[in-house]
Protein backbone atom coordinates (compact mmCIF):
# COMPACT_ATOMS: atom_id res chain seq x y z
CA MET A 1 -23.70 -21.62 20.67
CA HIS A 2 -20.69 -21.88 22.98
CA GLY A 3 -18.42 -23.04 20.13
CA LYS A 4 -19.35 -19.99 18.05
CA MET A 5 -18.42 -17.70 20.96
CA ILE A 6 -14.97 -19.30 21.25
CA PHE A 7 -14.50 -19.01 17.47
CA VAL A 8 -15.43 -15.30 17.52
CA LEU A 9 -13.03 -14.71 20.44
CA LEU A 10 -10.22 -16.47 18.55
CA LEU A 11 -10.92 -14.41 15.42
CA SER A 12 -10.84 -11.15 17.38
CA VAL A 13 -7.57 -12.13 19.09
CA ILE A 14 -6.01 -13.07 15.74
CA THR A 15 -7.09 -9.78 14.14
CA VAL A 16 -5.68 -7.80 17.09
CA ILE A 17 -2.36 -9.66 16.78
CA ILE A 18 -2.23 -9.04 13.02
CA TYR A 19 -2.97 -5.33 13.47
CA SER A 20 -0.31 -4.96 16.18
CA VAL A 21 2.27 -6.73 14.01
CA MET A 22 1.39 -4.46 11.08
CA ALA A 23 1.72 -1.38 13.30
CA VAL A 24 5.14 -2.55 14.53
CA ILE A 25 6.32 -3.19 10.95
CA ILE A 26 5.10 0.25 9.81
CA GLY A 27 6.85 1.86 12.80
CA ILE A 28 10.11 0.06 12.00
CA ILE A 29 9.88 1.16 8.35
CA LEU A 30 9.25 4.79 9.36
CA ILE A 31 12.10 4.80 11.91
CA SER A 32 14.55 3.23 9.44
CA ALA A 33 13.52 5.74 6.76
CA GLN A 34 14.17 8.60 9.20
CA LEU A 35 17.57 7.13 10.11
CA ILE A 36 18.51 6.76 6.42
CA GLY A 37 17.42 10.38 5.85
CA LEU A 38 19.62 11.52 8.74
CA LEU A 39 22.58 9.58 7.33
CA ILE A 40 22.09 11.14 3.89
CA LYS A 41 21.79 14.62 5.45
CA ARG A 42 24.97 14.14 7.52
CA ASN A 43 27.14 12.98 4.61
CA PRO A 44 25.55 14.01 1.31
CA THR A 45 28.17 12.09 -0.71
CA LEU A 46 26.60 8.83 0.57
CA GLY A 47 23.16 9.57 -0.85
CA THR A 48 23.89 11.57 -3.99
CA SER A 49 27.16 10.45 -5.57
CA ASP A 50 27.10 6.65 -5.15
CA PRO A 51 24.16 5.82 -7.47
CA LEU A 52 25.31 8.39 -10.04
CA THR A 53 28.86 7.01 -10.13
CA SER A 54 27.58 3.45 -10.45
CA VAL A 55 25.34 4.52 -13.35
CA LYS A 56 28.26 6.35 -14.98
CA ILE A 57 30.49 3.30 -14.53
CA GLY A 58 27.80 1.14 -16.12
CA GLU A 59 27.41 3.55 -19.05
CA THR A 60 31.17 3.70 -19.69
CA GLU A 61 31.38 -0.11 -19.57
CA TYR A 62 28.56 -0.37 -22.08
CA SER A 63 30.07 2.33 -24.32
CA ASN A 64 33.52 0.70 -24.20
CA ARG A 65 32.03 -2.63 -25.25
């Protein structure tokens, strides 16, 4: 009986730790996404032109070959 109580306590502690870690990870992801959005808003060339130019460069390389 006593061993089961300890096991249940350990399980509850482990689940609480897992949930807190997940919450921290989600918070970090949300904060980083907001920071990236702010960076893109501040200098729009960073967000919009870079992928397009890389795609264009790739297309021209393929067309030249």
